[in-house]
Amino acid sequence: MAGRRTDGKKTQIVVVGGGAGGLELVTRLGSKLPRNAYDIILVDKNPTHIWKPLLHEVAAGSLDANLDEVGYRSHAFRWGYRYFDGALEAIDRDLQEIIIAPILDEDGREVIGRHRIRYDYLVLAVGSVSNDFGTPGVRAHCMSLESRIDADRFRRRLLNQCLRVSRAMVRDPATEAFARVAIVGGGATGVELAAELYSAADALGYYGLEVFDAGRLQVTLIEAGPRILPALPDKLAAAATAELEALGVRVLAGTQVVEATESAIVTKNGESIEADILVWAAGVKGADFLKDIGGLETTRNNQLVVRPTLQTSRDDRIFAIGDCAFFLPEGAEKPIPPRAQSAHQMADTVYHNVRALIDHKALKPFVYHDNGSLVSLARYTTVGSLMGNLVGGRMAIEGRLARLVYTSLYRMHLVAIHGWLKGSSLMLVGHVNQVVRPKLKLH
């Protein structure tokens, strides 16, 4: 039966995944629960956290992740939890232990062997991965933006191609060389990346590529649905399309991809879209290792099925939050969308419910409040809708107001993981860095 331990050991609460929801949860648990009675553990395969909605800026070089990322070890010391480096491999529900895969160094040598961590309560917050829907060639040839490693890799490839184009233009000013990027997926990630690339291209001339400008960038955005940004009202999706096309993006809606080759995206109508960099941003699913993990119930997309309390359907002691959780509200046709605001709200509910289990109190159901969707088109504009639950998602906003709200979402995250004092200081530092730091990260 759930509750406090009576054997003298600390009650151990393990959170796997240090994304928006997981990091906010361990921060709150570590700061609120007494350390002599509770052991809060965060497990993540990466040593640092960066807010996932910022990855497109890291990829384009507009944001230096070294300035915005959070190191788990120092953060853990400050907020009263412990951090374990590693990737979840399996769950032993009988022994109430998770199994962590071996950690290898760059040469493939084992640093830490496979090991186990016990838990009294377990929260899975491992996020999602790109869903290629079984499309041939995607895994082999397309990049994704799921982590800082992905974003850094994209930036290096982009800069290398820009350098090739710049060098070719120096040799022959009449050359037809271009940096070509094909992005599959017209959701927020694809749209924001497309716009950010043009913002970055305009700035390259200040950093040694004097002959390169946005005119040498060719970006194609491919969406299978009838329009981009399906989460936004038609008017705002049309405005975003017009803005992208004005920048130079070729927007192809209603276009199904049937194959990815080493240098092209092939569409159902037979067109081969040649590109130097292929990006897949067309949907998400749970990671493959989640499929039936520990005998828990999962969906076809490897998401963990949770009850209204966000407990997994087959184990009261195991919760799931964020993109890896499948929660279908009563009477709803669609599950909660994979957004940072969903993870933030779920973390708050799980914090309450874990404490309720410990204290033998009633658990509360999760109620999702749709605060709307916002999409940033780099420095050009921001579009979105606010307070979806209140006005049916029809409060459309654009321009500076939308940009202000978009920025405020990140500020709320900073406060949640750092507290008001440090969070406010980081906001101030961010403003200073916009003035004193280079416009682009080129290394």
Protein backbone atom coordinates (compact mmCIF):
# COMPACT_ATOMS: atom_id res chain seq x y z
CA MET A 1 0.00 0.00 0.00
CA ALA A 2 1.25 3.48 -0.84
CA GLY A 3 2.52 5.77 1.88
CA ARG A 4 5.66 6.64 3.83
CA ARG A 5 8.26 3.93 4.40
CA THR A 6 8.32 2.33 7.83
CA ASP A 7 11.64 0.46 7.54
CA GLY A 8 13.88 3.44 8.20
CA LYS A 9 14.81 3.94 4.55
CA LYS A 10 14.09 7.16 2.75
CA THR A 11 11.06 7.28 0.48
CA GLN A 12 12.60 7.29 -2.97
CA ILE A 13 10.90 9.22 -5.77
CA VAL A 14 12.51 8.69 -9.17
CA VAL A 15 11.80 10.88 -12.19
CA VAL A 16 13.13 9.68 -15.54
CA GLY A 17 13.56 12.53 -18.02
CA GLY A 18 14.74 16.07 -17.34
CA GLY A 19 12.64 17.94 -19.90
CA ALA A 20 10.22 20.75 -19.12
CA GLY A 21 7.91 18.63 -16.96
CA GLY A 22 10.49 16.35 -15.35
CA LEU A 23 12.88 19.12 -14.31
CA GLU A 24 10.09 21.28 -12.91
CA LEU A 25 8.80 18.29 -10.94
CA VAL A 26 12.10 17.32 -9.30
CA THR A 27 12.79 20.98 -8.54
CA ARG A 28 9.54 21.26 -6.66
CA LEU A 29 9.80 17.90 -4.91
CA GLY A 30 13.40 18.55 -3.87
CA SER A 31 12.62 21.99 -2.49
CA LYS A 32 9.45 21.00 -0.62
CA LEU A 33 10.12 17.54 0.85
CA PRO A 34 12.50 17.08 3.83
CA ARG A 35 15.81 15.59 2.73
CA ASN A 36 16.16 13.38 5.78
CA ALA A 37 13.03 11.43 4.82
CA TYR A 38 12.90 11.65 1.01
CA ASP A 39 15.38 10.92 -1.74
CA ILE A 40 14.47 12.62 -5.01
CA ILE A 41 16.33 11.27 -8.05
CA LEU A 42 16.41 12.54 -11.63
CA VAL A 43 17.65 10.18 -14.34
CA ASP A 44 18.54 11.57 -17.77
CA LYS A 45 20.90 10.46 -20.52
CA ASN A 46 22.02 14.05 -21.16
CA PRO A 47 24.05 16.12 -18.65
CA THR A 48 22.14 19.34 -19.34
CA HIS A 49 18.63 20.64 -19.96
CA ILE A 50 17.51 23.11 -22.58
CA TRP A 51 13.91 24.13 -23.17
CA LYS A 52 12.84 22.11 -26.22
CA PRO A 53 10.91 24.95 -27.93
CA LEU A 54 14.27 26.74 -28.26
CA LEU A 55 16.01 24.00 -30.23
CA HIS A 56 15.22 25.56 -33.60
CA GLU A 57 17.14 28.67 -32.50
CA VAL A 58 20.09 26.54 -31.39
CA ALA A 59 20.00 24.73 -34.73
CA ALA A 60 20.10 27.98 -36.70
CA GLY A 61 22.84 29.43 -34.49
CA SER A 62 20.61 32.23 -33.20
CA LEU A 63 20.89 30.95 -29.63
CA ASP A 64 24.02 29.84 -27.80
CA ALA A 65 22.87 26.81 -25.82
CA ASN A 66 25.90 27.11 -23.53
CA LEU A 67 24.30 30.25 -22.08
CA ASP A 68 20.77 28.88 -21.69
CA GLU A 69 21.25 25.23 -20.77
CA VAL A 70 20.95 24.00 -17.19
CA GLY A 71 23.53 21.55 -15.82
CA TYR A 72 21.67 18.88 -13.86
CA ARG A 73 24.45 18.28 -11.30
CA SER A 74 24.72 21.88 -10.12
CA HIS A 75 20.95 22.35 -10.29
CA ALA A 76 20.42 19.18 -8.24
CA PHE A 77 22.74 20.43 -5.51
CA ARG A 78 20.84 23.71 -5.34
CA TRP A 79 17.34 22.20 -5.27
CA GLY A 80 17.76 19.09 -3.12
CA TYR A 81 17.60 16.18 -5.54
CA ARG A 82 20.18 13.78 -6.98
CA TYR A 83 21.06 13.37 -10.65
CA PHE A 84 21.99 10.06 -12.28
CA ASP A 85 23.43 9.98 -15.79
CA GLY A 86 21.92 7.19 -17.85
CA ALA A 87 19.19 5.92 -20.15
CA LEU A 88 16.19 3.91 -18.98
CA GLU A 89 16.30 0.36 -20.32
CA ALA A 90 13.60 -1.51 -18.41
CA ILE A 91 11.34 -1.47 -15.36
CA ASP A 92 11.16 -4.31 -12.81
CA ARG A 93 7.79 -3.65 -11.22
CA ASP A 94 8.00 -6.67 -8.89
CA LEU A 95 11.16 -5.35 -7.23
CA GLN A 96 10.20 -1.68 -7.82
CA GLU A 97 13.45 -0.95 -9.62
CA ILE A 98 14.38 0.66 -12.90
CA ILE A 99 17.23 -0.72 -14.99
CA ILE A 100 19.72 1.78 -16.44
CA ALA A 101 21.62 0.88 -19.60
CA PRO A 102 25.44 0.79 -19.54
CA ILE A 103 27.20 4.12 -20.12
CA LEU A 104 29.95 4.05 -22.74
CA ASP A 105 32.61 6.65 -23.52
CA GLU A 106 33.41 7.99 -26.99
CA ASP A 107 35.64 4.99 -27.66
CA GLY A 108 32.92 2.51 -26.75
CA ARG A 109 34.47 1.56 -23.42
CA GLU A 110 32.19 1.02 -20.47
CA VAL A 111 32.18 3.80 -17.89
CA ILE A 112 29.32 2.55 -15.72
CA GLY A 113 27.80 -0.89 -16.15
CA ARG A 114 24.13 -1.73 -16.28
CA HIS A 115 22.64 -1.01 -12.86
CA ARG A 116 19.39 -0.70 -10.94
CA ILE A 117 17.77 2.12 -8.98
CA ARG A 118 14.96 1.37 -6.58
CA TYR A 119 11.85 3.49 -6.40
CA ASP A 120 8.83 3.90 -4.17
CA TYR A 121 7.22 6.19 -6.73
CA LEU A 122 8.28 6.49 -10.36
CA VAL A 123 7.50 9.27 -12.84
CA LEU A 124 8.25 8.73 -16.53
CA ALA A 125 8.85 12.00 -18.36
CA VAL A 126 11.03 10.81 -21.24
CA GLY A 127 9.42 12.95 -23.95
CA SER A 128 8.99 11.80 -27.52
CA VAL A 129 10.87 11.09 -30.73
CA SER A 130 10.06 11.90 -34.35
CA ASN A 131 7.50 9.65 -36.00
CA ASP A 132 8.62 8.69 -39.50
CA PHE A 133 5.41 6.68 -40.10
CA GLY A 134 7.55 3.98 -41.68
CA THR A 135 8.53 6.22 -44.60
CA PRO A 136 11.50 4.63 -46.46
CA GLY A 137 14.84 6.38 -46.04
CA VAL A 138 13.85 8.78 -43.26
CA ARG A 139 15.89 7.18 -40.49
CA ALA A 140 18.97 6.91 -42.69
CA HIS A 141 18.92 10.32 -44.34
CA CYS A 142 16.83 12.83 -42.33
CA MET A 143 17.83 14.84 -39.28
CA SER A 144 15.48 15.66 -36.43
CA LEU A 145 15.46 18.26 -33.65
CA GLU A 146 14.86 16.22 -30.51
CA SER A 147 17.87 17.26 -28.43
CA ARG A 148 20.72 19.72 -28.23
CA ILE A 149 22.97 17.14 -29.89
CA ASP A 150 20.63 17.14 -32.90
CA ALA A 151 20.53 20.94 -32.99
CA ASP A 152 24.32 21.26 -32.80
CA ARG A 153 24.74 18.69 -35.56
CA PHE A 154 22.29 20.54 -37.78
CA ARG A 155 24.07 23.86 -37.19
CA ARG A 156 27.46 22.41 -38.15
CA ARG A 157 26.07 20.92 -41.35
CA LEU A 158 24.30 24.17 -42.23
CA LEU A 159 27.41 26.29 -41.68
CA ASN A 160 29.56 23.87 -43.67
CA GLN A 161 27.17 24.10 -46.60
CA CYS A 162 27.06 27.90 -46.36
CA LEU A 163 30.87 27.91 -46.44
CA ARG A 164 30.89 25.70 -49.54
CA VAL A 165 28.46 28.07 -51.27
CA SER A 166 30.43 31.14 -50.20
CA ARG A 167 33.68 29.64 -51.46
CA ALA A 168 32.08 28.70 -54.79
CA MET A 169 30.80 32.26 -55.19
CA VAL A 170 34.25 33.70 -54.51
CA ARG A 171 35.69 31.50 -57.28
CA ASP A 172 32.83 32.28 -59.67
CA PRO A 173 30.36 35.08 -58.80
CA ALA A 174 27.94 33.76 -61.42
CA THR A 175 27.71 30.30 -59.86
CA GLU A 176 24.30 28.80 -59.06
CA ALA A 177 25.37 27.40 -55.68
CA PHE A 178 22.79 27.36 -52.85
CA ALA A 179 22.36 26.06 -49.33
CA ARG A 180 19.23 23.91 -49.71
CA VAL A 181 17.16 22.70 -46.76
CA ALA A 182 14.02 20.53 -47.02
CA ILE A 183 11.83 20.38 -43.91
CA VAL A 184 9.07 17.79 -43.68
CA GLY A 185 6.33 18.82 -41.26
CA GLY A 186 4.40 22.08 -41.12
CA GLY A 187 3.85 22.14 -37.37
CA ALA A 188 5.51 24.56 -34.97
CA THR A 189 8.99 23.00 -35.20
CA GLY A 190 9.14 23.01 -38.98
CA VAL A 191 7.68 26.49 -39.37
CA GLU A 192 9.88 28.07 -36.70
CA LEU A 193 13.03 26.45 -38.07
CA ALA A 194 12.27 27.64 -41.62
CA ALA A 195 11.89 31.27 -40.49
CA GLU A 196 14.90 31.13 -38.17
CA LEU A 197 17.14 29.97 -41.01
CA TYR A 198 16.49 33.15 -42.99
CA SER A 199 17.18 35.29 -39.95
CA ALA A 200 20.51 33.49 -39.47
CA ALA A 201 21.41 33.71 -43.18
CA ASP A 202 21.05 37.49 -43.13
CA ALA A 203 23.55 37.66 -40.26
CA LEU A 204 26.25 35.46 -41.80
CA GLY A 205 27.65 38.39 -43.76
CA TYR A 206 28.86 39.96 -40.51
CA TYR A 207 30.96 36.90 -39.66
CA GLY A 208 33.24 36.31 -42.62
CA LEU A 209 30.79 35.15 -45.31
CA GLU A 210 30.54 38.55 -46.97
CA VAL A 211 29.22 37.17 -50.26
CA PHE A 212 26.54 34.96 -48.65
CA ASP A 213 23.04 36.23 -47.89
CA ALA A 214 19.49 34.92 -47.59
CA GLY A 215 19.23 34.90 -51.38
CA ARG A 216 21.58 31.90 -51.39
CA LEU A 217 19.32 29.95 -49.04
CA GLN A 218 16.59 27.70 -50.43
CA VAL A 219 14.15 26.27 -47.88
CA THR A 220 11.23 24.01 -48.76
CA LEU A 221 8.57 23.28 -46.13
CA ILE A 222 6.47 20.19 -46.87
CA GLU A 223 3.19 19.43 -45.08
CA ALA A 224 0.90 16.45 -45.76
CA GLY A 225 -2.17 18.22 -44.39
CA PRO A 226 -4.18 20.86 -46.24
CA ARG A 227 -2.30 23.71 -44.53
CA ILE A 228 0.58 24.36 -42.16
CA LEU A 229 0.06 24.95 -38.41
CA PRO A 230 -3.12 22.86 -37.97
CA ALA A 231 -3.31 23.85 -34.29
CA LEU A 232 -3.93 27.50 -35.23
CA PRO A 233 -7.00 29.12 -36.80
CA ASP A 234 -7.11 29.33 -40.60
CA LYS A 235 -6.46 33.08 -40.58
CA LEU A 236 -3.22 32.76 -38.62
CA ALA A 237 -2.01 29.76 -40.62
CA ALA A 238 -2.57 31.80 -43.78
CA ALA A 239 -0.68 34.74 -42.27
CA ALA A 240 2.23 32.48 -41.35
CA THR A 241 2.26 30.99 -44.86
CA ALA A 242 2.37 34.46 -46.41
CA GLU A 243 5.20 35.51 -44.08
CA LEU A 244 7.25 32.43 -44.89
CA GLU A 245 6.75 32.83 -48.61
CA ALA A 246 7.76 36.48 -48.37
CA LEU A 247 11.02 35.34 -46.78
CA GLY A 248 11.62 32.92 -49.64
CA VAL A 249 10.34 29.63 -48.19
CA ARG A 250 8.61 27.34 -50.67
CA VAL A 251 5.55 26.07 -48.76
CA LEU A 252 4.04 22.82 -50.08
CA ALA A 253 0.81 21.92 -48.26
CA GLY A 254 -1.23 18.85 -49.11
CA THR A 255 1.96 17.10 -50.19
CA GLN A 256 2.65 13.57 -49.01
CA VAL A 257 6.22 12.29 -48.71
CA VAL A 258 6.82 8.72 -49.86
CA GLU A 259 10.61 8.46 -49.58
CA ALA A 260 13.78 10.19 -48.43
CA THR A 261 17.01 9.63 -50.32
CA GLU A 262 20.50 10.81 -49.47
CA SER A 263 19.92 14.14 -51.19
CA ALA A 264 16.19 14.51 -51.83
CA ILE A 265 12.64 14.23 -50.53
CA VAL A 266 10.37 12.32 -52.91
CA THR A 267 6.67 13.22 -52.88
CA LYS A 268 3.63 11.16 -53.82
CA ASN A 269 3.11 13.20 -56.99
CA GLY A 270 6.56 12.16 -58.17
CA GLU A 271 8.52 15.35 -57.46
CA SER A 272 12.06 14.97 -56.13
CA ILE A 273 12.99 17.94 -53.94
CA GLU A 274 16.77 18.14 -53.93
CA ALA A 275 18.38 19.37 -50.70
CA ASP A 276 21.70 19.41 -48.87
CA ILE A 277 20.03 18.95 -45.49
CA LEU A 278 16.85 16.94 -44.89
CA VAL A 279 14.88 17.56 -41.69
CA TRP A 280 11.99 15.41 -40.45
CA ALA A 281 9.57 17.24 -38.14
CA ALA A 282 6.31 15.51 -39.09
CA GLY A 283 4.86 14.06 -35.92
CA VAL A 284 5.92 12.51 -32.65
CA LYS A 285 5.66 9.18 -30.88
CA GLY A 286 7.02 7.49 -27.80
CA ALA A 287 10.51 6.01 -28.00
CA ASP A 288 10.68 2.37 -29.06
CA PHE A 289 11.96 1.22 -25.65
CA LEU A 290 8.65 2.29 -24.09
CA LYS A 291 6.62 -0.32 -25.95
CA ASP A 292 5.02 -2.44 -23.19
CA ILE A 293 7.87 -1.50 -20.83
CA GLY A 294 7.49 -3.27 -17.50
CA GLY A 295 4.18 -4.70 -18.69
CA LEU A 296 2.59 -1.25 -18.68
CA GLU A 297 -0.14 -0.41 -21.16
CA THR A 298 1.05 1.53 -24.20
CA THR A 299 -0.54 2.79 -27.40
CA ARG A 300 0.42 2.00 -30.98
CA ASN A 301 2.70 5.05 -30.84
CA ASN A 302 4.47 3.76 -27.70
CA GLN A 303 2.82 6.28 -25.36
CA LEU A 304 2.01 5.20 -21.81
CA VAL A 305 -1.72 5.09 -21.12
CA VAL A 306 -2.58 7.05 -17.97
CA ARG A 307 -5.69 7.50 -15.88
CA PRO A 308 -7.17 10.89 -14.93
CA THR A 309 -4.75 10.99 -11.97
CA LEU A 310 -1.85 10.51 -14.44
CA GLN A 311 -1.04 7.15 -12.87
CA THR A 312 -0.31 4.51 -15.46
CA SER A 313 -3.30 2.27 -16.08
CA ARG A 314 -1.65 -0.83 -14.57
CA ASP A 315 0.44 0.52 -11.69
CA ASP A 316 -0.56 3.05 -9.02
CA ARG A 317 3.05 3.85 -8.15
CA ILE A 318 4.09 4.77 -11.68
CA PHE A 319 3.07 8.07 -13.30
CA ALA A 320 3.70 9.43 -16.81
CA ILE A 321 3.74 13.05 -17.93
CA GLY A 322 4.48 15.04 -21.05
CA ASP A 323 4.83 13.71 -24.59
CA CYS A 324 5.29 10.09 -23.48
CA ALA A 325 1.87 10.03 -21.76
CA PHE A 326 -1.42 9.27 -23.52
CA PHE A 327 -4.25 11.01 -21.70
CA LEU A 328 -7.71 11.19 -23.26
CA PRO A 329 -10.02 13.44 -21.22
CA GLU A 330 -13.54 12.12 -20.69
CA GLY A 331 -15.72 12.99 -23.65
CA ALA A 332 -12.79 14.26 -25.74
CA GLU A 333 -12.01 12.99 -29.22
CA LYS A 334 -8.30 13.72 -29.11
CA PRO A 335 -5.64 13.20 -26.41
CA ILE A 336 -3.79 16.06 -24.74
CA PRO A 337 -1.40 17.58 -27.32
CA PRO A 338 2.39 17.21 -26.98
CA ARG A 339 3.24 20.74 -25.84
CA ALA A 340 5.46 22.24 -23.18
CA GLN A 341 2.39 23.68 -21.45
CA SER A 342 0.93 20.15 -21.17
CA ALA A 343 4.07 18.86 -19.46
CA HIS A 344 4.11 21.86 -17.13
CA GLN A 345 0.51 21.31 -16.04
CA MET A 346 0.98 17.56 -15.70
CA ALA A 347 4.01 18.08 -13.46
CA ASP A 348 1.89 20.18 -11.12
CA THR A 349 -0.79 17.46 -10.88
CA VAL A 350 1.75 14.67 -10.30
CA TYR A 351 3.46 16.69 -7.58
CA HIS A 352 0.13 16.93 -5.76
CA ASN A 353 -0.77 13.27 -6.35
CA VAL A 354 2.56 11.80 -5.25
CA ARG A 355 2.29 13.72 -2.00
CA ALA A 356 -1.34 12.62 -1.68
CA LEU A 357 -0.34 8.95 -2.06
CA ILE A 358 2.34 9.35 0.59
CA ASP A 359 -0.12 10.98 3.00
CA HIS A 360 -3.02 8.63 2.18
CA LYS A 361 -5.11 11.48 0.84
CA ALA A 362 -7.40 11.74 -2.16
CA LEU A 363 -5.76 12.21 -5.55
CA LYS A 364 -6.98 14.90 -7.92
CA PRO A 365 -7.74 14.38 -11.61
CA PHE A 366 -5.70 16.18 -14.21
CA VAL A 367 -7.55 19.00 -15.95
CA TYR A 368 -5.85 20.41 -19.02
CA HIS A 369 -6.16 24.15 -19.58
CA ASP A 370 -5.47 25.02 -23.19
CA ASN A 371 -3.65 28.33 -23.01
CA GLY A 372 -3.38 28.49 -26.77
CA SER A 373 -0.64 28.00 -29.32
CA LEU A 374 2.10 30.40 -30.35
CA VAL A 375 4.58 30.09 -33.19
CA SER A 376 7.62 32.35 -33.54
CA LEU A 377 8.75 33.32 -37.04
CA ALA A 378 12.20 34.37 -35.82
CA ARG A 379 12.64 38.14 -35.55
CA TYR A 380 10.00 38.74 -38.19
CA THR A 381 6.77 38.13 -36.28
CA THR A 382 4.87 35.76 -33.98
CA VAL A 383 1.39 34.36 -34.51
CA GLY A 384 -0.92 32.38 -32.26
CA SER A 385 -4.15 31.93 -30.41
CA LEU A 386 -4.66 32.34 -26.69
CA MET A 387 -6.91 30.82 -24.02
CA GLY A 388 -8.15 27.96 -26.15
CA ASN A 389 -10.46 26.56 -23.45
CA LEU A 390 -12.09 29.92 -22.84
CA VAL A 391 -12.74 31.18 -26.32
CA GLY A 392 -12.44 28.07 -28.45
CA GLY A 393 -8.97 29.01 -29.59
CA ARG A 394 -10.29 31.96 -31.55
CA MET A 395 -8.50 34.82 -29.79
CA ALA A 396 -6.01 35.41 -32.57
CA ILE A 397 -2.94 37.52 -31.90
CA GLU A 398 -0.04 38.56 -34.08
CA GLY A 399 3.04 40.75 -33.97
CA ARG A 400 4.54 42.28 -30.85
CA LEU A 401 1.82 41.13 -28.46
CA ALA A 402 2.20 37.55 -29.62
CA ARG A 403 5.99 37.83 -29.36
CA LEU A 404 5.67 39.12 -25.79
CA VAL A 405 3.45 36.21 -24.79
CA TYR A 406 5.74 33.73 -26.54
CA THR A 407 8.74 35.06 -24.60
CA SER A 408 6.79 34.98 -21.34
CA LEU A 409 6.28 31.21 -21.65
CA TYR A 410 10.03 30.68 -21.44
CA ARG A 411 10.30 33.12 -18.57
CA MET A 412 7.69 31.14 -16.64
CA HIS A 413 9.80 28.02 -17.18
CA LEU A 414 12.91 29.82 -15.89
CA VAL A 415 11.08 30.83 -12.72
CA ALA A 416 9.76 27.29 -12.24
CA ILE A 417 13.24 25.71 -12.31
CA HIS A 418 15.32 28.52 -10.79
CA GLY A 419 12.99 30.46 -8.50
CA TRP A 420 12.06 34.13 -8.81
CA LEU A 421 15.42 35.64 -7.86
CA LYS A 422 17.70 33.62 -10.14
CA GLY A 423 15.04 33.37 -12.84
CA SER A 424 14.71 37.16 -12.98
CA SER A 425 18.49 37.53 -13.03
CA LEU A 426 18.74 35.16 -15.99
CA MET A 427 16.12 37.16 -17.86
CA LEU A 428 18.21 40.29 -17.32
CA VAL A 429 21.37 38.51 -18.43
CA GLY A 430 19.51 37.37 -21.54
CA HIS A 431 18.74 40.97 -22.47
CA VAL A 432 22.37 41.97 -21.94
CA ASN A 433 23.60 39.05 -24.07
CA GLN A 434 21.42 40.22 -26.95
CA VAL A 435 23.53 43.38 -27.02
CA VAL A 436 27.04 42.17 -26.16
CA ARG A 437 27.10 38.64 -27.61
CA PRO A 438 27.47 37.81 -31.34
CA LYS A 439 24.23 37.45 -33.27
CA LEU A 440 25.18 33.91 -34.30
CA LYS A 441 26.99 30.97 -32.74
CA LEU A 442 29.40 29.75 -35.41
CA HIS A 443 31.25 27.02 -33.54
